[in-house]
Amino acid sequence: MIPMSTAIWDPKWFHQFKGKKHIWKDSNGVYNGIRAEELNPGLCHAEGCPCPYQHTDKGYNTCSFLKSYREGLSDIDFDKFLNKCIQFAEFLSKRDNFKEEPIIVFIFHEAPDNPCSERIPVQELFNSHGIELTEWYPNK
């Protein structure tokens, strides 16, 4: 599995405290520091838009942050983004001699029950291109 962060700001440990371009493998062989920049089209610029960390209980259809986020996602050249992900996964697979097909895992730093999460618009984006994303949740 190849984890790719979708966060606006990754935790500093994710890049080994060496800047957001630093990619490394931890002692378990897990890649860290890989970013899916295209899924982070920027902060909301809508007037009155709440910070993404000050979520509302109104749900994702009324969240001005997610409305702006969807607009940003609509500017993505999806085929180019998908090909970039596939090529990167193939590169790592060949370089590190993967024994299985690589799987890209998008990391969202959101609680599964957050009604104002970027996960939903990203799922909608992929669904609109015939790709279903499976969500995995850590054990509670």
Foldseek 3Di string as FASTA:
>chain_A
DAEAELDPDDDCVLQPVPDLCHWDADPVRYIGNHYLPQLPLDWQPDPPQDGLVPADPPAQVPHSRNVSSLVSNVPDPVVVSVVVVQVVQVVCCVVVVDPDRDDYHYDFPDDPPGRHGSVVSVQVVCVVVVDGDDDDDDDD
